[in-house]
């Protein structure tokens, strides 16, 4: 993470997340930017709100890891010093940067965000252990990201079946439509039958 995040980092994060939001709306499997169903049930509405919150979390995580992974790849001074303090070598900075940028890209895709959360969560577990036992400092940022990744992975991988049908029509609507179609069909059949009887009487 950035050692001293400031206003510039926050504005840059907002711009990145905004661009990712515009991209996410064009991908299949998202609820962002979709119109609300007029006949949406309360359960479907609650589930849709949960998915929107989940997708906003995914976009925030993707934006953070695009910035942090990109900072590692371009060799920002604080990132170079961070991996020098770890003592393994700068190769780990490049490997971690590539891993984070690729994971952030997959986090934008709804169908791949669960697997991306698991992969990036593994990176955050490693970062937490390094900060605790090597750098000797509290892993606040790593633990926050790990919690968010756990939420995404749990929601996507354990509740995938429930998220596939978000805006479902009420269960009574098909019954109403079937009864209406049956009623209309009976009336039409009766009219045709009477019409046939009239024609037969004329003959």
Protein backbone atom coordinates (compact mmCIF):
# COMPACT_ATOMS: atom_id res chain seq x y z
CA UNK A 1 0.00 0.00 0.00
CA UNK A 2 1.04 3.63 -0.25
CA UNK A 3 2.94 4.75 2.81
CA UNK A 4 1.32 8.19 2.90
CA UNK A 5 -1.96 8.22 0.97
CA UNK A 6 -3.23 11.74 0.42
CA UNK A 7 -5.82 13.77 -1.44
CA UNK A 8 -4.14 13.18 -4.81
CA UNK A 9 -4.31 9.42 -4.31
CA UNK A 10 -7.97 9.68 -3.32
CA UNK A 11 -8.84 11.71 -6.43
CA UNK A 12 -6.91 9.31 -8.63
CA UNK A 13 -8.76 6.39 -7.06
CA UNK A 14 -12.11 8.07 -7.73
CA UNK A 15 -11.19 8.59 -11.39
CA UNK A 16 -10.06 4.99 -11.80
CA UNK A 17 -13.18 3.60 -10.10
CA UNK A 18 -15.36 5.84 -12.29
CA UNK A 19 -13.71 4.49 -15.44
CA UNK A 20 -14.09 0.92 -14.19
CA UNK A 21 -17.77 1.59 -13.43
CA UNK A 22 -18.36 2.72 -17.01
CA UNK A 23 -16.65 -0.44 -18.24
CA UNK A 24 -18.47 -2.71 -15.80
CA UNK A 25 -21.91 -1.57 -17.00
CA UNK A 26 -21.17 -3.01 -20.44
CA UNK A 27 -20.22 -6.46 -19.15
CA UNK A 28 -22.66 -9.38 -18.74
CA UNK A 29 -23.70 -10.43 -15.26
CA UNK A 30 -23.78 -6.97 -13.69
CA UNK A 31 -26.62 -5.11 -11.99
CA UNK A 32 -25.02 -1.67 -12.36
CA UNK A 33 -26.90 0.72 -14.61
CA UNK A 34 -29.89 -1.56 -15.08
CA UNK A 35 -33.45 -0.33 -14.74
CA UNK A 36 -35.53 -1.58 -11.84
CA UNK A 37 -38.34 -4.03 -12.57
CA UNK A 38 -41.76 -2.56 -11.82
CA UNK A 39 -43.06 -5.87 -10.45
CA UNK A 40 -39.99 -6.68 -8.40
CA UNK A 41 -40.67 -8.59 -5.20
CA UNK A 42 -39.25 -7.37 -1.86
CA UNK A 43 -36.89 -10.35 -1.70
CA UNK A 44 -35.61 -9.70 -5.22
CA UNK A 45 -35.20 -6.00 -4.42
CA UNK A 46 -33.17 -6.80 -1.32
CA UNK A 47 -31.01 -9.23 -3.25
CA UNK A 48 -30.46 -6.65 -6.00
CA UNK A 49 -29.34 -4.07 -3.43
CA UNK A 50 -26.92 -6.60 -1.95
CA UNK A 51 -25.45 -7.30 -5.37
CA UNK A 52 -25.04 -3.59 -6.10
CA UNK A 53 -23.16 -3.16 -2.81
CA UNK A 54 -21.03 -6.18 -3.70
CA UNK A 55 -20.20 -4.79 -7.13
CA UNK A 56 -19.28 -1.40 -5.67
CA UNK A 57 -16.89 -3.19 -3.29
CA UNK A 58 -15.38 -5.07 -6.22
CA UNK A 59 -14.84 -1.85 -8.18
CA UNK A 60 -13.21 -0.17 -5.17
CA UNK A 61 -10.87 -3.15 -4.72
CA UNK A 62 -10.06 -3.19 -8.44
CA UNK A 63 -9.24 0.51 -8.37
CA UNK A 64 -7.00 0.15 -5.32
CA UNK A 65 -5.05 -2.76 -6.76
CA UNK A 66 -4.68 -1.13 -10.16
CA UNK A 67 -3.02 1.82 -8.42
CA UNK A 68 -0.95 -0.17 -5.94
CA UNK A 69 0.13 -2.80 -8.46
CA UNK A 70 0.92 -0.11 -11.02
CA UNK A 71 3.01 1.75 -8.44
CA UNK A 72 5.05 -1.41 -7.89
CA UNK A 73 5.56 -1.97 -11.61
CA UNK A 74 6.68 1.59 -12.42
CA UNK A 75 9.07 1.56 -9.46
CA UNK A 76 7.75 4.27 -7.17
CA UNK A 77 10.33 5.22 -4.58
CA UNK A 78 8.22 4.14 -1.61
CA UNK A 79 7.55 0.75 -3.20
CA UNK A 80 11.23 0.22 -3.97
CA UNK A 81 12.11 1.06 -0.37
CA UNK A 82 9.37 -1.20 0.94
CA UNK A 83 10.70 -4.27 -0.85
CA UNK A 84 14.26 -3.33 0.03
CA UNK A 85 13.16 -3.41 3.67
CA UNK A 86 11.67 -6.86 3.18
CA UNK A 87 15.08 -8.04 2.04
CA UNK A 88 14.06 -10.57 -0.62
CA UNK A 89 14.83 -8.52 -3.71
CA UNK A 90 13.11 -6.30 -6.22
CA UNK A 91 11.96 -9.29 -8.26
CA UNK A 92 9.24 -9.81 -5.66
CA UNK A 93 7.99 -6.27 -6.30
CA UNK A 94 7.52 -7.01 -10.01
CA UNK A 95 5.86 -10.37 -9.36
CA UNK A 96 3.51 -8.84 -6.79
CA UNK A 97 2.73 -5.88 -9.07
CA UNK A 98 1.83 -8.12 -12.01
CA UNK A 99 -0.27 -10.33 -9.76
CA UNK A 100 -2.17 -7.34 -8.35
CA UNK A 101 -2.82 -5.67 -11.71
CA UNK A 102 -4.02 -8.91 -13.32
CA UNK A 103 -6.18 -9.65 -10.28
CA UNK A 104 -7.67 -6.16 -10.44
CA UNK A 105 -8.52 -6.67 -14.12
CA UNK A 106 -10.36 -9.91 -13.33
CA UNK A 107 -12.09 -8.23 -10.39
CA UNK A 108 -13.87 -5.96 -12.86
CA UNK A 109 -15.45 -8.97 -14.62
CA UNK A 110 -18.47 -10.17 -12.58
CA UNK A 111 -18.06 -13.82 -13.54
CA UNK A 112 -14.38 -13.84 -12.52
CA UNK A 113 -14.44 -11.59 -9.47
CA UNK A 114 -14.83 -14.47 -7.01
CA UNK A 115 -11.69 -16.25 -8.18
CA UNK A 116 -9.85 -12.93 -8.30
CA UNK A 117 -10.85 -12.22 -4.70
CA UNK A 118 -9.42 -15.57 -3.59
CA UNK A 119 -6.14 -14.91 -5.43
CA UNK A 120 -5.73 -11.35 -4.17
CA UNK A 121 -6.81 -12.46 -0.69
CA UNK A 122 -3.86 -14.85 -0.71
CA UNK A 123 -1.59 -11.92 -1.54
CA UNK A 124 -3.06 -9.96 1.36
CA UNK A 125 -2.47 -12.87 3.76
CA UNK A 126 1.19 -12.84 2.72
CA UNK A 127 1.32 -9.05 3.09
CA UNK A 128 -0.21 -9.30 6.57
CA UNK A 129 2.41 -11.83 7.69
CA UNK A 130 5.24 -9.77 6.21
CA UNK A 131 4.09 -6.59 7.93
CA UNK A 132 3.68 -8.39 11.25
CA UNK A 133 6.87 -10.46 11.39
CA UNK A 134 9.29 -8.70 8.99
CA UNK A 135 8.40 -5.00 8.99
CA UNK A 136 7.10 -5.08 12.59
CA UNK A 137 4.14 -2.78 12.01
CA UNK A 138 0.36 -3.20 12.23
CA UNK A 139 -1.08 -4.49 8.92
CA UNK A 140 -4.11 -2.19 8.93
CA UNK A 141 -4.42 -1.71 5.16
CA UNK A 142 -3.69 -5.37 4.39
CA UNK A 143 -6.29 -6.55 6.89
CA UNK A 144 -8.89 -4.14 5.48
CA UNK A 145 -8.31 -5.41 1.94
CA UNK A 146 -8.32 -9.01 3.16
CA UNK A 147 -11.70 -8.46 4.81
CA UNK A 148 -13.11 -6.98 1.59
CA UNK A 149 -11.73 -9.84 -0.49
CA UNK A 150 -13.21 -12.36 1.93
CA UNK A 151 -16.60 -10.68 1.56
CA UNK A 152 -16.40 -10.79 -2.25
CA UNK A 153 -15.21 -14.40 -2.35
CA UNK A 154 -17.89 -15.53 0.10
CA UNK A 155 -20.64 -13.72 -1.77
CA UNK A 156 -19.60 -14.81 -5.25
CA UNK A 157 -18.49 -18.38 -4.70
CA UNK A 158 -20.88 -19.52 -1.98
CA UNK A 159 -24.00 -17.68 -3.21
CA UNK A 160 -23.54 -17.87 -6.98
CA UNK A 161 -26.82 -19.73 -7.49
CA UNK A 162 -28.77 -17.05 -5.65
CA UNK A 163 -27.11 -14.23 -7.55
CA UNK A 164 -27.90 -15.62 -10.99
CA UNK A 165 -31.60 -14.72 -10.67
CA UNK A 166 -31.81 -11.35 -9.04
CA UNK A 167 -34.82 -9.67 -10.51
CA UNK A 168 -37.33 -12.48 -10.72
CA UNK A 169 -41.07 -11.83 -11.20
CA UNK A 170 -43.39 -12.76 -8.35
CA UNK A 171 -44.43 -16.39 -8.25
CA UNK A 172 -48.11 -15.51 -8.67
CA UNK A 173 -47.68 -13.71 -11.99
CA UNK A 174 -47.28 -16.81 -14.20
CA UNK A 175 -50.40 -18.31 -12.57
CA UNK A 176 -52.37 -15.17 -13.31
CA UNK A 177 -51.15 -15.14 -16.89
CA UNK A 178 -51.98 -18.83 -17.36
CA UNK A 179 -55.48 -18.39 -15.96
CA UNK A 180 -56.04 -15.35 -18.16
CA UNK A 181 -54.81 -17.19 -21.24
CA UNK A 182 -57.02 -20.17 -20.38
CA UNK A 183 -60.04 -17.91 -19.89
CA UNK A 184 -59.45 -16.16 -23.21
CA UNK A 185 -58.91 -19.47 -24.95
CA UNK A 186 -62.19 -20.86 -23.60
CA UNK A 187 -64.08 -17.75 -24.71
CA UNK A 188 -62.56 -17.87 -28.19
CA UNK A 189 -63.35 -21.57 -28.46
CA UNK A 190 -66.96 -20.88 -27.38
CA UNK A 191 -67.32 -18.09 -29.95
CA UNK A 192 -65.95 -20.32 -32.69
CA UNK A 193 -68.25 -23.12 -31.65
CA UNK A 194 -71.31 -20.84 -31.71
CA UNK A 195 -70.24 -19.44 -35.04
CA UNK A 196 -69.94 -22.96 -36.38
CA UNK A 197 -73.43 -23.75 -35.07
CA UNK A 198 -74.89 -20.70 -36.81
CA UNK A 199 -73.28 -21.66 -40.11
CA UNK A 200 -74.60 -25.23 -39.73
CA UNK A 201 -78.14 -23.98 -39.11
CA UNK A 202 -77.96 -21.83 -42.25
CA UNK A 203 -77.01 -24.84 -44.32
